[in-house]
Amino acid sequence: MTNHVHMLLTPGKSDSAGNLMKRLGQRYVQYINRTYKRSGTLWEGRFRSSIIQQEEYLFS
Protein backbone atom coordinates (compact mmCIF):
# COMPACT_ATOMS: atom_id res chain seq x y z
CA MET A 1 0.00 0.00 0.00
CA THR A 2 1.31 3.39 -0.88
CA ASN A 3 -0.90 5.50 1.37
CA HIS A 4 0.75 4.73 4.72
CA VAL A 5 3.88 3.44 6.40
CA HIS A 6 4.62 1.07 9.26
CA MET A 7 7.54 1.82 11.57
CA LEU A 8 8.90 -0.35 14.33
CA LEU A 9 10.61 1.85 16.91
CA THR A 10 12.38 1.09 20.14
CA PRO A 11 12.59 4.45 21.88
CA GLY A 12 15.38 5.22 24.31
CA LYS A 13 13.15 7.62 26.27
CA SER A 14 9.41 7.62 26.85
CA ASP A 15 8.82 10.65 24.61
CA SER A 16 11.29 9.77 21.83
CA ALA A 17 8.77 8.24 19.41
CA GLY A 18 6.37 11.16 19.81
CA ASN A 19 9.13 13.70 19.24
CA LEU A 20 10.32 11.81 16.15
CA MET A 21 6.83 11.80 14.66
CA LYS A 22 6.37 15.49 15.46
CA ARG A 23 9.61 16.49 13.73
CA LEU A 24 8.97 14.17 10.80
CA GLY A 25 5.48 15.59 10.29
CA GLN A 26 6.69 19.18 10.53
CA ARG A 27 9.45 18.64 7.98
CA TYR A 28 7.11 16.81 5.59
CA VAL A 29 4.50 19.58 5.72
CA GLN A 30 7.21 22.19 5.10
CA TYR A 31 8.43 20.21 2.08
CA ILE A 32 4.93 19.83 0.60
CA ASN A 33 4.07 23.47 1.21
CA ARG A 34 7.29 24.66 -0.46
CA THR A 35 6.96 22.24 -3.38
CA TYR A 36 3.34 23.06 -4.16
CA LYS A 37 3.48 26.72 -3.10
CA ARG A 38 0.80 26.32 -0.47
CA SER A 39 0.44 26.93 3.26
CA GLY A 40 -1.30 25.35 6.21
CA THR A 41 -1.63 21.86 7.58
CA LEU A 42 -2.03 18.63 5.63
CA TRP A 43 -3.88 16.50 8.14
CA GLU A 44 -6.73 17.16 10.52
CA GLY A 45 -5.90 14.36 12.96
CA ARG A 46 -2.77 13.09 14.62
CA PHE A 47 -0.86 9.95 13.73
CA ARG A 48 -2.01 6.74 15.38
CA SER A 49 0.36 4.46 17.21
CA SER A 50 0.02 1.25 19.15
CA ILE A 51 2.34 -0.88 21.23
CA ILE A 52 2.97 -4.38 19.92
CA GLN A 53 4.78 -7.30 21.46
CA GLN A 54 8.02 -8.57 19.94
CA GLU A 55 6.39 -11.86 18.85
CA GLU A 56 3.95 -9.95 16.64
CA TYR A 57 6.63 -8.60 14.26
CA LEU A 58 9.25 -11.33 14.17
CA PHE A 59 9.63 -12.91 10.76
CA SER A 60 9.95 -16.65 10.48
PDB file of N, CA and C in Angstrom:
ATOM      1  N   MET A   1       0.837  -1.183   0.000  1.00  0.00           N
ATOM      2  CA  MET A   1       0.000   0.000   0.000  1.00  0.00           C
ATOM      3  C   MET A   1       0.879   1.242   0.000  1.00  0.00           C
ATOM      4  N   THR A   2       0.497   2.192  -0.768  1.00  0.00           N
ATOM      5  CA  THR A   2       1.315   3.394  -0.882  1.00  0.00           C
ATOM      6  C   THR A   2       0.774   4.570  -0.074  1.00  0.00           C
ATOM      7  N   ASN A   3      -0.311   4.378   0.665  1.00  0.00           N
ATOM      8  CA  ASN A   3      -0.901   5.504   1.371  1.00  0.00           C
ATOM      9  C   ASN A   3      -0.544   5.564   2.857  1.00  0.00           C
ATOM     10  N   HIS A   4       0.342   4.687   3.325  1.00  0.00           N
ATOM     11  CA  HIS A   4       0.752   4.729   4.725  1.00  0.00           C
ATOM     12  C   HIS A   4       2.068   3.991   4.910  1.00  0.00           C
ATOM     13  N   VAL A   5       2.644   4.144   6.074  1.00  0.00           N
ATOM     14  CA  VAL A   5       3.879   3.437   6.403  1.00  0.00           C
ATOM     15  C   VAL A   5       3.732   2.757   7.746  1.00  0.00           C
ATOM     16  N   HIS A   6       4.530   1.736   7.969  1.00  0.00           N
ATOM     17  CA  HIS A   6       4.624   1.066   9.259  1.00  0.00           C
ATOM     18  C   HIS A   6       6.046   1.257   9.749  1.00  0.00           C
ATOM     19  N   MET A   7       6.208   1.663  10.996  1.00  0.00           N
ATOM     20  CA  MET A   7       7.537   1.823  11.571  1.00  0.00           C
ATOM     21  C   MET A   7       7.593   1.056  12.879  1.00  0.00           C
ATOM     22  N   LEU A   8       8.665   0.324  13.063  1.00  0.00           N
ATOM     23  CA  LEU A   8       8.904  -0.354  14.326  1.00  0.00           C
ATOM     24  C   LEU A   8      10.007   0.408  15.050  1.00  0.00           C
ATOM     25  N   LEU A   9       9.670   1.013  16.170  1.00  0.00           N
ATOM     26  CA  LEU A   9      10.609   1.852  16.906  1.00  0.00           C
ATOM     27  C   LEU A   9      10.837   1.287  18.294  1.00  0.00           C
ATOM     28  N   THR A  10      12.051   1.394  18.760  1.00  0.00           N
ATOM     29  CA  THR A  10      12.381   1.088  20.142  1.00  0.00           C
ATOM     30  C   THR A  10      12.969   2.357  20.737  1.00  0.00           C
ATOM     31  N   PRO A  11      12.122   3.163  21.377  1.00  0.00           N
ATOM     32  CA  PRO A  11      12.586   4.451  21.883  1.00  0.00           C
ATOM     33  C   PRO A  11      13.503   4.312  23.095  1.00  0.00           C
ATOM     34  N   GLY A  12      14.480   5.197  23.167  1.00  0.00           N
ATOM     35  CA  GLY A  12      15.376   5.224  24.313  1.00  0.00           C
ATOM     36  C   GLY A  12      14.772   5.939  25.508  1.00  0.00           C
ATOM     37  N   LYS A  13      13.856   6.870  25.226  1.00  0.00           N
ATOM     38  CA  LYS A  13      13.151   7.617  26.266  1.00  0.00           C
ATOM     39  C   LYS A  13      11.656   7.518  25.999  1.00  0.00           C
ATOM     40  N   SER A  14      10.858   7.794  26.999  1.00  0.00           N
ATOM     41  CA  SER A  14       9.412   7.621  26.848  1.00  0.00           C
ATOM     42  C   SER A  14       8.799   8.555  25.812  1.00  0.00           C
ATOM     43  N   ASP A  15       9.396   9.715  25.578  1.00  0.00           N
ATOM     44  CA  ASP A  15       8.820  10.653  24.615  1.00  0.00           C
ATOM     45  C   ASP A  15       9.546  10.671  23.266  1.00  0.00           C
ATOM     46  N   SER A  16      10.481   9.770  23.062  1.00  0.00           N
ATOM     47  CA  SER A  16      11.288   9.770  21.833  1.00  0.00           C
ATOM     48  C   SER A  16      10.457   9.529  20.580  1.00  0.00           C
ATOM     49  N   ALA A  17       9.568   8.553  20.607  1.00  0.00           N
ATOM     50  CA  ALA A  17       8.773   8.242  19.407  1.00  0.00           C
ATOM     51  C   ALA A  17       7.847   9.405  19.061  1.00  0.00           C
ATOM     52  N   GLY A  18       7.236  10.009  20.053  1.00  0.00           N
ATOM     53  CA  GLY A  18       6.366  11.159  19.809  1.00  0.00           C
ATOM     54  C   GLY A  18       7.115  12.339  19.231  1.00  0.00           C
ATOM     55  N   ASN A  19       8.308  12.597  19.762  1.00  0.00           N
ATOM     56  CA  ASN A  19       9.132  13.702  19.239  1.00  0.00           C
ATOM     57  C   ASN A  19       9.575  13.428  17.807  1.00  0.00           C
ATOM     58  N   LEU A  20       9.929  12.176  17.515  1.00  0.00           N
ATOM     59  CA  LEU A  20      10.317  11.810  16.153  1.00  0.00           C
ATOM     60  C   LEU A  20       9.171  12.069  15.185  1.00  0.00           C
ATOM     61  N   MET A  21       7.978  11.620  15.533  1.00  0.00           N
ATOM     62  CA  MET A  21       6.829  11.805  14.656  1.00  0.00           C
ATOM     63  C   MET A  21       6.481  13.280  14.485  1.00  0.00           C
ATOM     64  N   LYS A  22       6.625  14.051  15.550  1.00  0.00           N
ATOM     65  CA  LYS A  22       6.366  15.486  15.464  1.00  0.00           C
ATOM     66  C   LYS A  22       7.318  16.153  14.477  1.00  0.00           C
ATOM     67  N   ARG A  23       8.623  15.878  14.625  1.00  0.00           N
ATOM     68  CA  ARG A  23       9.615  16.487  13.733  1.00  0.00           C
ATOM     69  C   ARG A  23       9.443  16.009  12.294  1.00  0.00           C
ATOM     70  N   LEU A  24       9.173  14.727  12.135  1.00  0.00           N
ATOM     71  CA  LEU A  24       8.974  14.173  10.798  1.00  0.00           C
ATOM     72  C   LEU A  24       7.773  14.826  10.121  1.00  0.00           C
ATOM     73  N   GLY A  25       6.677  14.961  10.843  1.00  0.00           N
ATOM     74  CA  GLY A  25       5.482  15.588  10.291  1.00  0.00           C
ATOM     75  C   GLY A  25       5.703  17.046   9.933  1.00  0.00           C
ATOM     76  N   GLN A  26       6.411  17.772  10.802  1.00  0.00           N
ATOM     77  CA  GLN A  26       6.687  19.183  10.535  1.00  0.00           C
ATOM     78  C   GLN A  26       7.534  19.351   9.280  1.00  0.00           C
ATOM     79  N   ARG A  27       8.574  18.539   9.153  1.00  0.00           N
ATOM     80  CA  ARG A  27       9.445  18.642   7.975  1.00  0.00           C
ATOM     81  C   ARG A  27       8.699  18.262   6.694  1.00  0.00           C
ATOM     82  N   TYR A  28       7.862  17.240   6.769  1.00  0.00           N
ATOM     83  CA  TYR A  28       7.108  16.806   5.590  1.00  0.00           C
ATOM     84  C   TYR A  28       6.141  17.900   5.136  1.00  0.00           C
ATOM     85  N   VAL A  29       5.437  18.509   6.070  1.00  0.00           N
ATOM     86  CA  VAL A  29       4.504  19.584   5.724  1.00  0.00           C
ATOM     87  C   VAL A  29       5.255  20.764   5.115  1.00  0.00           C
ATOM     88  N   GLN A  30       6.416  21.102   5.665  1.00  0.00           N
ATOM     89  CA  GLN A  30       7.212  22.191   5.095  1.00  0.00           C
ATOM     90  C   GLN A  30       7.617  21.869   3.660  1.00  0.00           C
ATOM     91  N   TYR A  31       8.032  20.640   3.419  1.00  0.00           N
ATOM     92  CA  TYR A  31       8.430  20.214   2.076  1.00  0.00           C
ATOM     93  C   TYR A  31       7.255  20.320   1.095  1.00  0.00           C
ATOM     94  N   ILE A  32       6.105  19.790   1.478  1.00  0.00           N
ATOM     95  CA  ILE A  32       4.929  19.827   0.603  1.00  0.00           C
ATOM     96  C   ILE A  32       4.504  21.268   0.338  1.00  0.00           C
ATOM     97  N   ASN A  33       4.487  22.076   1.383  1.00  0.00           N
ATOM     98  CA  ASN A  33       4.072  23.474   1.208  1.00  0.00           C
ATOM     99  C   ASN A  33       5.022  24.240   0.295  1.00  0.00           C
ATOM    100  N   ARG A  34       6.326  24.009   0.436  1.00  0.00           N
ATOM    101  CA  ARG A  34       7.286  24.664  -0.461  1.00  0.00           C
ATOM    102  C   ARG A  34       7.141  24.162  -1.893  1.00  0.00           C
ATOM    103  N   THR A  35       7.028  22.845  -2.047  1.00  0.00           N
ATOM    104  CA  THR A  35       6.961  22.236  -3.376  1.00  0.00           C
ATOM    105  C   THR A  35       5.734  22.696  -4.154  1.00  0.00           C
ATOM    106  N   TYR A  36       4.593  22.735  -3.482  1.00  0.00           N
ATOM    107  CA  TYR A  36       3.339  23.056  -4.159  1.00  0.00           C
ATOM    108  C   TYR A  36       2.868  24.485  -3.901  1.00  0.00           C
ATOM    109  N   LYS A  37       3.771  25.311  -3.352  1.00  0.00           N
ATOM    110  CA  LYS A  37       3.476  26.723  -3.104  1.00  0.00           C
ATOM    111  C   LYS A  37       2.136  26.910  -2.400  1.00  0.00           C
ATOM    112  N   ARG A  38       2.011  26.235  -1.264  1.00  0.00           N
ATOM    113  CA  ARG A  38       0.800  26.317  -0.473  1.00  0.00           C
ATOM    114  C   ARG A  38       1.163  26.606   0.972  1.00  0.00           C
ATOM    115  N   SER A  39       0.175  26.722   1.837  1.00  0.00           N
ATOM    116  CA  SER A  39       0.436  26.931   3.261  1.00  0.00           C
ATOM    117  C   SER A  39      -0.616  26.183   4.066  1.00  0.00           C
ATOM    118  N   GLY A  40      -0.346  26.017   5.330  1.00  0.00           N
ATOM    119  CA  GLY A  40      -1.299  25.354   6.208  1.00  0.00           C
ATOM    120  C   GLY A  40      -0.935  23.925   6.517  1.00  0.00           C
ATOM    121  N   THR A  41      -1.859  23.236   7.160  1.00  0.00           N
ATOM    122  CA  THR A  41      -1.634  21.856   7.576  1.00  0.00           C
ATOM    123  C   THR A  41      -2.090  20.888   6.494  1.00  0.00           C
ATOM    124  N   LEU A  42      -1.619  19.662   6.578  1.00  0.00           N
ATOM    125  CA  LEU A  42      -2.031  18.628   5.629  1.00  0.00           C
ATOM    126  C   LEU A  42      -3.080  17.705   6.216  1.00  0.00           C
ATOM    127  N   TRP A  43      -2.997  17.469   7.506  1.00  0.00           N
ATOM    128  CA  TRP A  43      -3.880  16.501   8.142  1.00  0.00           C
ATOM    129  C   TRP A  43      -4.690  17.166   9.233  1.00  0.00           C
ATOM    130  N   GLU A  44      -5.895  16.658   9.437  1.00  0.00           N
ATOM    131  CA  GLU A  44      -6.728  17.163  10.521  1.00  0.00           C
ATOM    132  C   GLU A  44      -6.421  16.442  11.824  1.00  0.00           C
ATOM    133  N   GLY A  45      -6.141  15.143  11.758  1.00  0.00           N
ATOM    134  CA  GLY A  45      -5.904  14.357  12.962  1.00  0.00           C
ATOM    135  C   GLY A  45      -4.439  14.042  13.163  1.00  0.00           C
ATOM    136  N   ARG A  46      -4.125  13.494  14.315  1.00  0.00           N
ATOM    137  CA  ARG A  46      -2.766  13.088  14.621  1.00  0.00           C
ATOM    138  C   ARG A  46      -2.496  11.697  14.072  1.00  0.00           C
ATOM    139  N   PHE A  47      -1.222  11.305  14.105  1.00  0.00           N
ATOM    140  CA  PHE A  47      -0.860   9.952  13.732  1.00  0.00           C
ATOM    141  C   PHE A  47      -1.396   8.993  14.792  1.00  0.00           C
ATOM    142  N   ARG A  48      -1.536   7.751  14.441  1.00  0.00           N
ATOM    143  CA  ARG A  48      -2.007   6.745  15.378  1.00  0.00           C
ATOM    144  C   ARG A  48      -0.874   5.771  15.633  1.00  0.00           C
ATOM    145  N   SER A  49      -0.679   5.426  16.873  1.00  0.00           N
ATOM    146  CA  SER A  49       0.362   4.463  17.213  1.00  0.00           C
ATOM    147  C   SER A  49      -0.193   3.439  18.183  1.00  0.00           C
ATOM    148  N   SER A  50       0.424   2.285  18.198  1.00  0.00           N
ATOM    149  CA  SER A  50       0.023   1.255  19.150  1.00  0.00           C
ATOM    150  C   SER A  50       1.243   0.414  19.523  1.00  0.00           C
ATOM    151  N   ILE A  51       1.246  -0.046  20.738  1.00  0.00           N
ATOM    152  CA  ILE A  51       2.337  -0.880  21.234  1.00  0.00           C
ATOM    153  C   ILE A  51       2.073  -2.321  20.819  1.00  0.00           C
ATOM    154  N   ILE A  52       3.103  -2.975  20.281  1.00  0.00           N
ATOM    155  CA  ILE A  52       2.973  -4.376  19.917  1.00  0.00           C
ATOM    156  C   ILE A  52       4.057  -5.167  20.636  1.00  0.00           C
ATOM    157  N   GLN A  53       3.804  -6.426  20.820  1.00  0.00           N
ATOM    158  CA  GLN A  53       4.778  -7.305  21.457  1.00  0.00           C
ATOM    159  C   GLN A  53       5.769  -7.809  20.412  1.00  0.00           C
ATOM    160  N   GLN A  54       6.961  -8.151  20.855  1.00  0.00           N
ATOM    161  CA  GLN A  54       8.018  -8.568  19.935  1.00  0.00           C
ATOM    162  C   GLN A  54       7.574  -9.737  19.061  1.00  0.00           C
ATOM    163  N   GLU A  55       6.811 -10.675  19.604  1.00  0.00           N
ATOM    164  CA  GLU A  55       6.391 -11.856  18.849  1.00  0.00           C
ATOM    165  C   GLU A  55       5.510 -11.489  17.658  1.00  0.00           C
ATOM    166  N   GLU A  56       4.871 -10.337  17.701  1.00  0.00           N
ATOM    167  CA  GLU A  56       3.954  -9.946  16.637  1.00  0.00           C
ATOM    168  C   GLU A  56       4.682  -9.494  15.373  1.00  0.00           C
ATOM    169  N   TYR A  57       5.949  -9.079  15.461  1.00  0.00           N
ATOM    170  CA  TYR A  57       6.625  -8.601  14.265  1.00  0.00           C
ATOM    171  C   TYR A  57       7.873  -9.382  13.902  1.00  0.00           C
ATOM    172  N   LEU A  58       8.119 -10.481  14.565  1.00  0.00           N
ATOM    173  CA  LEU A  58       9.254 -11.328  14.171  1.00  0.00           C
ATOM    174  C   LEU A  58       8.898 -12.085  12.900  1.00  0.00           C
ATOM    175  N   PHE A  59       9.847 -12.178  12.018  1.00  0.00           N
ATOM    176  CA  PHE A  59       9.628 -12.906  10.761  1.00  0.00           C
ATOM    177  C   PHE A  59      10.195 -14.308  10.904  1.00  0.00           C
ATOM    178  N   SER A  60       9.469 -15.265  10.383  1.00  0.00           N
ATOM    179  CA  SER A  60       9.953 -16.650  10.476  1.00  0.00           C
ATOM    180  C   SER A  60      10.627 -17.094   9.203  1.00  0.00           C
TER     181      SER A  60
END
